Every structure is written in structure tokens, then in C-alpha cells.
Amino acid sequence: MMLNIWWVWVVAGFGLGVLEVLLPGYIFLGFAVGAVVTGVLVGFGLSVGVAALLLVFGLVSLAAWFVMRQLFGLREGQVKIWHKDIND
């Protein structure tokens, strides 16, 4: 199956990274990191079933999203307040 080949995960991760650049919002970036890390783990010899690979992908993606949320998210006291409407 294609999910047991390391480069498929890495290519999918880079594809999701490109998608994040085209549609920014820190949505696809966590999935991209998860796919690349899963590909690296498979490349280093992680030999498990498809369900376990998808679980690893999901957990790494979730962890990457939380880390990036802490690094790039709004800090306390940095709430954006709009004083003017662009249509005024």
C-alpha cells in the first residue's frame, strides 16, 4: 500500500505546505508537519499497520498545531480592535 512508502508521506507534506502558502491560516501547516514527520519515521523503519500510521499522523499533526499556536498565535494583550470600517 502507498501509505507504507516514506516518500509518499514527505511529498504529501510538502504539498500541504504549498497549500498552506496559497491558502494561509495555519490549518494545513500542522498537517504538513505531521505528514513529513510520519514520512521520516517510516523512512527510519517504523513498520506498523495503516491504522497506526494514520494515528501517528493525526497525533503529530495535532501536536504540531498546538506548538505553532503557541509560537505564532496572538499573545495575551494583543487583541486586534478595529476602530474604522474599511467601508466608511
PDB file of N, CA and C in Angstrom:
ATOM      1  N   MET A   1       0.846  -1.184   0.000  1.00  0.00           N
ATOM      2  CA  MET A   1       0.000   0.000   0.000  1.00  0.00           C
ATOM      3  C   MET A   1       0.888   1.242   0.000  1.00  0.00           C
ATOM      4  N   MET A   2       0.375   2.291  -0.583  1.00  0.00           N
ATOM      5  CA  MET A   2       1.166   3.516  -0.757  1.00  0.00           C
ATOM      6  C   MET A   2       1.498   4.206   0.560  1.00  0.00           C
ATOM      7  N   LEU A   3       0.710   4.000   1.612  1.00  0.00           N
ATOM      8  CA  LEU A   3       0.961   4.695   2.877  1.00  0.00           C
ATOM      9  C   LEU A   3       2.156   4.127   3.627  1.00  0.00           C
ATOM     10  N   ASN A   4       2.691   3.003   3.185  1.00  0.00           N
ATOM     11  CA  ASN A   4       3.865   2.426   3.834  1.00  0.00           C
ATOM     12  C   ASN A   4       5.165   2.853   3.162  1.00  0.00           C
ATOM     13  N   ILE A   5       5.088   3.752   2.199  1.00  0.00           N
ATOM     14  CA  ILE A   5       6.271   4.254   1.495  1.00  0.00           C
ATOM     15  C   ILE A   5       6.576   5.644   2.040  1.00  0.00           C
ATOM     16  N   TRP A   6       7.805   5.842   2.495  1.00  0.00           N
ATOM     17  CA  TRP A   6       8.165   7.073   3.208  1.00  0.00           C
ATOM     18  C   TRP A   6       8.027   8.312   2.348  1.00  0.00           C
ATOM     19  N   TRP A   7       8.430   8.224   1.075  1.00  0.00           N
ATOM     20  CA  TRP A   7       8.432   9.435   0.254  1.00  0.00           C
ATOM     21  C   TRP A   7       7.029   9.904  -0.086  1.00  0.00           C
ATOM     22  N   VAL A   8       6.034   9.019  -0.027  1.00  0.00           N
ATOM     23  CA  VAL A   8       4.651   9.433  -0.263  1.00  0.00           C
ATOM     24  C   VAL A   8       4.212  10.411   0.835  1.00  0.00           C
ATOM     25  N   TRP A   9       4.573  10.094   2.074  1.00  0.00           N
ATOM     26  CA  TRP A   9       4.246  10.986   3.191  1.00  0.00           C
ATOM     27  C   TRP A   9       4.962  12.322   3.052  1.00  0.00           C
ATOM     28  N   VAL A  10       6.231  12.279   2.675  1.00  0.00           N
ATOM     29  CA  VAL A  10       7.011  13.524   2.565  1.00  0.00           C
ATOM     30  C   VAL A  10       6.471  14.401   1.434  1.00  0.00           C
ATOM     31  N   VAL A  11       6.156  13.807   0.297  1.00  0.00           N
ATOM     32  CA  VAL A  11       5.596  14.571  -0.822  1.00  0.00           C
ATOM     33  C   VAL A  11       4.239  15.150  -0.443  1.00  0.00           C
ATOM     34  N   ALA A  12       3.427  14.362   0.260  1.00  0.00           N
ATOM     35  CA  ALA A  12       2.133  14.875   0.718  1.00  0.00           C
ATOM     36  C   ALA A  12       2.324  16.040   1.693  1.00  0.00           C
ATOM     37  N   GLY A  13       3.335  15.934   2.555  1.00  0.00           N
ATOM     38  CA  GLY A  13       3.623  17.026   3.486  1.00  0.00           C
ATOM     39  C   GLY A  13       4.040  18.297   2.773  1.00  0.00           C
ATOM     40  N   PHE A  14       4.891  18.157   1.773  1.00  0.00           N
ATOM     41  CA  PHE A  14       5.297  19.339   1.017  1.00  0.00           C
ATOM     42  C   PHE A  14       4.124  19.916   0.219  1.00  0.00           C
ATOM     43  N   GLY A  15       3.263  19.046  -0.292  1.00  0.00           N
ATOM     44  CA  GLY A  15       2.070  19.515  -0.984  1.00  0.00           C
ATOM     45  C   GLY A  15       1.144  20.293  -0.062  1.00  0.00           C
ATOM     46  N   LEU A  16       0.995  19.803   1.155  1.00  0.00           N
ATOM     47  CA  LEU A  16       0.181  20.529   2.132  1.00  0.00           C
ATOM     48  C   LEU A  16       0.851  21.844   2.538  1.00  0.00           C
ATOM     49  N   GLY A  17       2.171  21.871   2.557  1.00  0.00           N
ATOM     50  CA  GLY A  17       2.888  23.114   2.834  1.00  0.00           C
ATOM     51  C   GLY A  17       2.648  24.148   1.744  1.00  0.00           C
ATOM     52  N   VAL A  18       2.645  23.710   0.499  1.00  0.00           N
ATOM     53  CA  VAL A  18       2.354  24.613  -0.617  1.00  0.00           C
ATOM     54  C   VAL A  18       0.914  25.104  -0.529  1.00  0.00           C
ATOM     55  N   LEU A  19       0.017  24.207  -0.162  1.00  0.00           N
ATOM     56  CA  LEU A  19      -1.381  24.595   0.008  1.00  0.00           C
ATOM     57  C   LEU A  19      -1.531  25.637   1.118  1.00  0.00           C
ATOM     58  N   GLU A  20      -0.735  25.516   2.162  1.00  0.00           N
ATOM     59  CA  GLU A  20      -0.764  26.499   3.252  1.00  0.00           C
ATOM     60  C   GLU A  20      -0.292  27.870   2.763  1.00  0.00           C
ATOM     61  N   VAL A  21       0.686  27.878   1.874  1.00  0.00           N
ATOM     62  CA  VAL A  21       1.161  29.151   1.327  1.00  0.00           C
ATOM     63  C   VAL A  21       0.078  29.794   0.455  1.00  0.00           C
ATOM     64  N   LEU A  22      -0.634  28.972  -0.300  1.00  0.00           N
ATOM     65  CA  LEU A  22      -1.672  29.504  -1.176  1.00  0.00           C
ATOM     66  C   LEU A  22      -2.930  29.899  -0.412  1.00  0.00           C
ATOM     67  N   LEU A  23      -3.254  29.169   0.647  1.00  0.00           N
ATOM     68  CA  LEU A  23      -4.438  29.437   1.466  1.00  0.00           C
ATOM     69  C   LEU A  23      -4.021  29.560   2.924  1.00  0.00           C
ATOM     70  N   PRO A  24      -3.407  30.690   3.319  1.00  0.00           N
ATOM     71  CA  PRO A  24      -2.865  30.793   4.669  1.00  0.00           C
ATOM     72  C   PRO A  24      -3.954  30.778   5.735  1.00  0.00           C
ATOM     73  N   GLY A  25      -3.570  30.319   6.898  1.00  0.00           N
ATOM     74  CA  GLY A  25      -4.493  30.265   8.015  1.00  0.00           C
ATOM     75  C   GLY A  25      -4.038  29.293   9.086  1.00  0.00           C
ATOM     76  N   TYR A  26      -2.850  28.765   8.945  1.00  0.00           N
ATOM     77  CA  TYR A  26      -2.283  27.790   9.889  1.00  0.00           C
ATOM     78  C   TYR A  26      -3.160  26.565  10.040  1.00  0.00           C
ATOM     79  N   ILE A  27      -3.876  26.191   8.994  1.00  0.00           N
ATOM     80  CA  ILE A  27      -4.689  24.987   9.018  1.00  0.00           C
ATOM     81  C   ILE A  27      -3.895  23.822   8.437  1.00  0.00           C
ATOM     82  N   PHE A  28      -3.366  23.997   7.256  1.00  0.00           N
ATOM     83  CA  PHE A  28      -2.678  22.914   6.566  1.00  0.00           C
ATOM     84  C   PHE A  28      -1.255  22.706   7.068  1.00  0.00           C
ATOM     85  N   LEU A  29      -0.697  23.700   7.757  1.00  0.00           N
ATOM     86  CA  LEU A  29       0.690  23.601   8.192  1.00  0.00           C
ATOM     87  C   LEU A  29       0.888  22.498   9.231  1.00  0.00           C
ATOM     88  N   GLY A  30      -0.048  22.342  10.132  1.00  0.00           N
ATOM     89  CA  GLY A  30       0.047  21.256  11.112  1.00  0.00           C
ATOM     90  C   GLY A  30      -0.006  19.893  10.440  1.00  0.00           C
ATOM     91  N   PHE A  31      -0.883  19.758   9.446  1.00  0.00           N
ATOM     92  CA  PHE A  31      -0.963  18.509   8.698  1.00  0.00           C
ATOM     93  C   PHE A  31       0.310  18.268   7.890  1.00  0.00           C
ATOM     94  N   ALA A  32       0.900  19.337   7.364  1.00  0.00           N
ATOM     95  CA  ALA A  32       2.139  19.199   6.602  1.00  0.00           C
ATOM     96  C   ALA A  32       3.266  18.694   7.492  1.00  0.00           C
ATOM     97  N   VAL A  33       3.386  19.263   8.676  1.00  0.00           N
ATOM     98  CA  VAL A  33       4.416  18.812   9.617  1.00  0.00           C
ATOM     99  C   VAL A  33       4.159  17.365  10.011  1.00  0.00           C
ATOM    100  N   GLY A  34       2.903  17.022  10.266  1.00  0.00           N
ATOM    101  CA  GLY A  34       2.559  15.652  10.626  1.00  0.00           C
ATOM    102  C   GLY A  34       2.910  14.663   9.529  1.00  0.00           C
ATOM    103  N   ALA A  35       2.653  15.023   8.274  1.00  0.00           N
ATOM    104  CA  ALA A  35       2.959  14.131   7.157  1.00  0.00           C
ATOM    105  C   ALA A  35       4.463  13.954   6.979  1.00  0.00           C
ATOM    106  N   VAL A  36       5.215  15.040   7.090  1.00  0.00           N
ATOM    107  CA  VAL A  36       6.669  14.938   6.925  1.00  0.00           C
ATOM    108  C   VAL A  36       7.286  14.121   8.061  1.00  0.00           C
ATOM    109  N   VAL A  37       6.856  14.353   9.287  1.00  0.00           N
ATOM    110  CA  VAL A  37       7.386  13.595  10.421  1.00  0.00           C
ATOM    111  C   VAL A  37       7.018  12.118  10.290  1.00  0.00           C
ATOM    112  N   THR A  38       5.795  11.827   9.865  1.00  0.00           N
ATOM    113  CA  THR A  38       5.399  10.436   9.652  1.00  0.00           C
ATOM    114  C   THR A  38       6.244   9.801   8.560  1.00  0.00           C
ATOM    115  N   GLY A  39       6.512  10.530   7.493  1.00  0.00           N
ATOM    116  CA  GLY A  39       7.379  10.023   6.433  1.00  0.00           C
ATOM    117  C   GLY A  39       8.788   9.741   6.924  1.00  0.00           C
ATOM    118  N   VAL A  40       9.301  10.615   7.756  1.00  0.00           N
ATOM    119  CA  VAL A  40      10.642  10.399   8.321  1.00  0.00           C
ATOM    120  C   VAL A  40      10.647   9.157   9.210  1.00  0.00           C
ATOM    121  N   LEU A  41       9.609   8.998  10.021  1.00  0.00           N
ATOM    122  CA  LEU A  41       9.526   7.819  10.883  1.00  0.00           C
ATOM    123  C   LEU A  41       9.427   6.531  10.066  1.00  0.00           C
ATOM    124  N   VAL A  42       8.644   6.543   9.005  1.00  0.00           N
ATOM    125  CA  VAL A  42       8.553   5.369   8.133  1.00  0.00           C
ATOM    126  C   VAL A  42       9.889   5.132   7.446  1.00  0.00           C
ATOM    127  N   GLY A  43      10.565   6.192   7.057  1.00  0.00           N
ATOM    128  CA  GLY A  43      11.878   6.058   6.430  1.00  0.00           C
ATOM    129  C   GLY A  43      12.925   5.472   7.360  1.00  0.00           C
ATOM    130  N   PHE A  44      12.804   5.746   8.651  1.00  0.00           N
ATOM    131  CA  PHE A  44      13.735   5.194   9.631  1.00  0.00           C
ATOM    132  C   PHE A  44      13.343   3.807  10.112  1.00  0.00           C
ATOM    133  N   GLY A  45      12.280   3.261   9.550  1.00  0.00           N
ATOM    134  CA  GLY A  45      11.965   1.878   9.843  1.00  0.00           C
ATOM    135  C   GLY A  45      10.724   1.624  10.672  1.00  0.00           C
ATOM    136  N   LEU A  46       9.872   2.615  10.872  1.00  0.00           N
ATOM    137  CA  LEU A  46       8.631   2.386  11.589  1.00  0.00           C
ATOM    138  C   LEU A  46       7.761   1.459  10.738  1.00  0.00           C
ATOM    139  N   SER A  47       7.523   0.273  11.221  1.00  0.00           N
ATOM    140  CA  SER A  47       6.795  -0.731  10.451  1.00  0.00           C
ATOM    141  C   SER A  47       5.537  -1.131  11.215  1.00  0.00           C
ATOM    142  N   VAL A  48       4.460  -0.397  10.975  1.00  0.00           N
ATOM    143  CA  VAL A  48       3.178  -0.671  11.622  1.00  0.00           C
ATOM    144  C   VAL A  48       2.098  -0.680  10.553  1.00  0.00           C
ATOM    145  N   GLY A  49       0.896  -0.978  10.938  1.00  0.00           N
ATOM    146  CA  GLY A  49      -0.218  -1.012  10.000  1.00  0.00           C
ATOM    147  C   GLY A  49      -0.673   0.375   9.598  1.00  0.00           C
ATOM    148  N   VAL A  50      -1.589   0.393   8.655  1.00  0.00           N
ATOM    149  CA  VAL A  50      -2.095   1.666   8.128  1.00  0.00           C
ATOM    150  C   VAL A  50      -2.831   2.453   9.211  1.00  0.00           C
ATOM    151  N   ALA A  51      -3.615   1.758  10.024  1.00  0.00           N
ATOM    152  CA  ALA A  51      -4.359   2.451  11.082  1.00  0.00           C
ATOM    153  C   ALA A  51      -3.407   3.116  12.071  1.00  0.00           C
ATOM    154  N   ALA A  52      -2.334   2.445  12.429  1.00  0.00           N
ATOM    155  CA  ALA A  52      -1.361   3.022  13.351  1.00  0.00           C
ATOM    156  C   ALA A  52      -0.617   4.191  12.706  1.00  0.00           C
ATOM    157  N   LEU A  53      -0.336   4.094  11.408  1.00  0.00           N
ATOM    158  CA  LEU A  53       0.308   5.218  10.710  1.00  0.00           C
ATOM    159  C   LEU A  53      -0.605   6.440  10.699  1.00  0.00           C
ATOM    160  N   LEU A  54      -1.877   6.223  10.451  1.00  0.00           N
ATOM    161  CA  LEU A  54      -2.814   7.347  10.465  1.00  0.00           C
ATOM    162  C   LEU A  54      -2.947   7.935  11.863  1.00  0.00           C
ATOM    163  N   LEU A  55      -2.856   7.086  12.883  1.00  0.00           N
ATOM    164  CA  LEU A  55      -2.892   7.578  14.260  1.00  0.00           C
ATOM    165  C   LEU A  55      -1.650   8.420  14.562  1.00  0.00           C
ATOM    166  N   VAL A  56      -0.490   7.943  14.142  1.00  0.00           N
ATOM    167  CA  VAL A  56       0.747   8.710  14.330  1.00  0.00           C
ATOM    168  C   VAL A  56       0.652  10.044  13.604  1.00  0.00           C
ATOM    169  N   PHE A  57       0.160  10.007  12.371  1.00  0.00           N
ATOM    170  CA  PHE A  57      -0.009  11.231  11.592  1.00  0.00           C
ATOM    171  C   PHE A  57      -0.943  12.206  12.301  1.00  0.00           C
ATOM    172  N   GLY A  58      -2.049  11.718  12.797  1.00  0.00           N
ATOM    173  CA  GLY A  58      -3.008  12.584  13.483  1.00  0.00           C
ATOM    174  C   GLY A  58      -2.445  13.174  14.760  1.00  0.00           C
ATOM    175  N   LEU A  59      -1.772  12.353  15.555  1.00  0.00           N
ATOM    176  CA  LEU A  59      -1.214  12.845  16.819  1.00  0.00           C
ATOM    177  C   LEU A  59      -0.091  13.848  16.596  1.00  0.00           C
ATOM    178  N   VAL A  60       0.777  13.576  15.630  1.00  0.00           N
ATOM    179  CA  VAL A  60       1.870  14.521  15.338  1.00  0.00           C
ATOM    180  C   VAL A  60       1.313  15.809  14.764  1.00  0.00           C
ATOM    181  N   SER A  61       0.288  15.720  13.914  1.00  0.00           N
ATOM    182  CA  SER A  61      -0.332  16.922  13.351  1.00  0.00           C
ATOM    183  C   SER A  61      -0.968  17.767  14.445  1.00  0.00           C
ATOM    184  N   LEU A  62      -1.655  17.116  15.367  1.00  0.00           N
ATOM    185  CA  LEU A  62      -2.289  17.840  16.472  1.00  0.00           C
ATOM    186  C   LEU A  62      -1.243  18.504  17.365  1.00  0.00           C
ATOM    187  N   ALA A  63      -0.175  17.777  17.666  1.00  0.00           N
ATOM    188  CA  ALA A  63       0.893  18.353  18.487  1.00  0.00           C
ATOM    189  C   ALA A  63       1.556  19.530  17.773  1.00  0.00           C
ATOM    190  N   ALA A  64       1.782  19.392  16.470  1.00  0.00           N
ATOM    191  CA  ALA A  64       2.392  20.488  15.698  1.00  0.00           C
ATOM    192  C   ALA A  64       1.480  21.702  15.682  1.00  0.00           C
ATOM    193  N   TRP A  65       0.175  21.478  15.567  1.00  0.00           N
ATOM    194  CA  TRP A  65      -0.769  22.601  15.564  1.00  0.00           C
ATOM    195  C   TRP A  65      -0.734  23.334  16.900  1.00  0.00           C
ATOM    196  N   PHE A  66      -0.717  22.575  18.014  1.00  0.00           N
ATOM    197  CA  PHE A  66      -0.666  23.218  19.327  1.00  0.00           C
ATOM    198  C   PHE A  66       0.635  23.999  19.521  1.00  0.00           C
ATOM    199  N   VAL A  67       1.748  23.446  19.078  1.00  0.00           N
ATOM    200  CA  VAL A  67       3.037  24.138  19.213  1.00  0.00           C
ATOM    201  C   VAL A  67       3.040  25.412  18.377  1.00  0.00           C
ATOM    202  N   MET A  68       2.572  25.322  17.142  1.00  0.00           N
ATOM    203  CA  MET A  68       2.548  26.513  16.296  1.00  0.00           C
ATOM    204  C   MET A  68       1.560  27.551  16.807  1.00  0.00           C
ATOM    205  N   ARG A  69       0.480  27.091  17.412  1.00  0.00           N
ATOM    206  CA  ARG A  69      -0.487  28.025  18.009  1.00  0.00           C
ATOM    207  C   ARG A  69       0.172  28.822  19.129  1.00  0.00           C
ATOM    208  N   GLN A  70       1.016  28.154  19.927  1.00  0.00           N
ATOM    209  CA  GLN A  70       1.724  28.845  20.998  1.00  0.00           C
ATOM    210  C   GLN A  70       2.797  29.793  20.439  1.00  0.00           C
ATOM    211  N   LEU A  71       3.470  29.377  19.378  1.00  0.00           N
ATOM    212  CA  LEU A  71       4.543  30.197  18.814  1.00  0.00           C
ATOM    213  C   LEU A  71       4.030  31.378  18.004  1.00  0.00           C
ATOM    214  N   PHE A  72       3.014  31.151  17.179  1.00  0.00           N
ATOM    215  CA  PHE A  72       2.583  32.160  16.225  1.00  0.00           C
ATOM    216  C   PHE A  72       1.247  32.799  16.554  1.00  0.00           C
ATOM    217  N   GLY A  73       0.531  32.297  17.535  1.00  0.00           N
ATOM    218  CA  GLY A  73      -0.798  32.806  17.865  1.00  0.00           C
ATOM    219  C   GLY A  73      -0.726  34.169  18.537  1.00  0.00           C
ATOM    220  N   LEU A  74      -1.876  34.751  18.762  1.00  0.00           N
ATOM    221  CA  LEU A  74      -1.936  36.037  19.447  1.00  0.00           C
ATOM    222  C   LEU A  74      -1.495  35.875  20.896  1.00  0.00           C
ATOM    223  N   ARG A  75      -0.680  36.756  21.337  1.00  0.00           N
ATOM    224  CA  ARG A  75      -0.247  36.758  22.733  1.00  0.00           C
ATOM    225  C   ARG A  75      -1.297  37.464  23.582  1.00  0.00           C
ATOM    226  N   GLU A  76      -1.234  37.269  24.866  1.00  0.00           N
ATOM    227  CA  GLU A  76      -2.175  37.917  25.767  1.00  0.00           C
ATOM    228  C   GLU A  76      -1.980  39.431  25.686  1.00  0.00           C
ATOM    229  N   GLY A  77      -3.061  40.147  25.534  1.00  0.00           N
ATOM    230  CA  GLY A  77      -2.992  41.595  25.411  1.00  0.00           C
ATOM    231  C   GLY A  77      -2.806  42.068  23.984  1.00  0.00           C
ATOM    232  N   GLN A  78      -2.798  41.168  23.014  1.00  0.00           N
ATOM    233  CA  GLN A  78      -2.624  41.548  21.615  1.00  0.00           C
ATOM    234  C   GLN A  78      -3.902  41.339  20.814  1.00  0.00           C
ATOM    235  N   VAL A  79      -5.008  41.655  21.396  1.00  0.00           N
ATOM    236  CA  VAL A  79      -6.284  41.503  20.715  1.00  0.00           C
ATOM    237  C   VAL A  79      -6.405  42.604  19.676  1.00  0.00           C
ATOM    238  N   LYS A  80      -6.796  42.223  18.484  1.00  0.00           N
ATOM    239  CA  LYS A  80      -6.960  43.207  17.424  1.00  0.00           C
ATOM    240  C   LYS A  80      -8.316  43.898  17.580  1.00  0.00           C
ATOM    241  N   ILE A  81      -8.282  45.208  17.651  1.00  0.00           N
ATOM    242  CA  ILE A  81      -9.503  46.005  17.750  1.00  0.00           C
ATOM    243  C   ILE A  81      -9.521  46.955  16.566  1.00  0.00           C
ATOM    244  N   TRP A  82     -10.594  46.899  15.810  1.00  0.00           N
ATOM    245  CA  TRP A  82     -10.730  47.751  14.636  1.00  0.00           C
ATOM    246  C   TRP A  82     -11.502  48.992  15.038  1.00  0.00           C
ATOM    247  N   HIS A  83     -10.916  50.166  14.750  1.00  0.00           N
ATOM    248  CA  HIS A  83     -11.549  51.435  15.075  1.00  0.00           C
ATOM    249  C   HIS A  83     -12.261  52.045  13.879  1.00  0.00           C
ATOM    250  N   LYS A  84     -11.883  51.647  12.689  1.00  0.00           N
ATOM    251  CA  LYS A  84     -12.501  52.171  11.478  1.00  0.00           C
ATOM    252  C   LYS A  84     -12.933  51.003  10.605  1.00  0.00           C
ATOM    253  N   ASP A  85     -14.051  51.194   9.940  1.00  0.00           N
ATOM    254  CA  ASP A  85     -14.510  50.216   8.983  1.00  0.00           C
ATOM    255  C   ASP A  85     -13.960  50.590   7.618  1.00  0.00           C
ATOM    256  N   ILE A  86     -13.542  49.619   6.852  1.00  0.00           N
ATOM    257  CA  ILE A  86     -12.970  49.891   5.538  1.00  0.00           C
ATOM    258  C   ILE A  86     -14.025  50.484   4.586  1.00  0.00           C
ATOM    259  N   ASN A  87     -15.295  50.262   4.883  1.00  0.00           N
ATOM    260  CA  ASN A  87     -16.358  50.771   4.023  1.00  0.00           C
ATOM    261  C   ASN A  87     -16.807  52.183   4.374  1.00  0.00           C
ATOM    262  N   ASP A  88     -16.249  52.774   5.423  1.00  0.00           N
ATOM    263  CA  ASP A  88     -16.643  54.134   5.814  1.00  0.00           C
ATOM    264  C   ASP A  88     -15.957  55.173   4.954  1.00  0.00           C
TER     265      ASP A  88
END
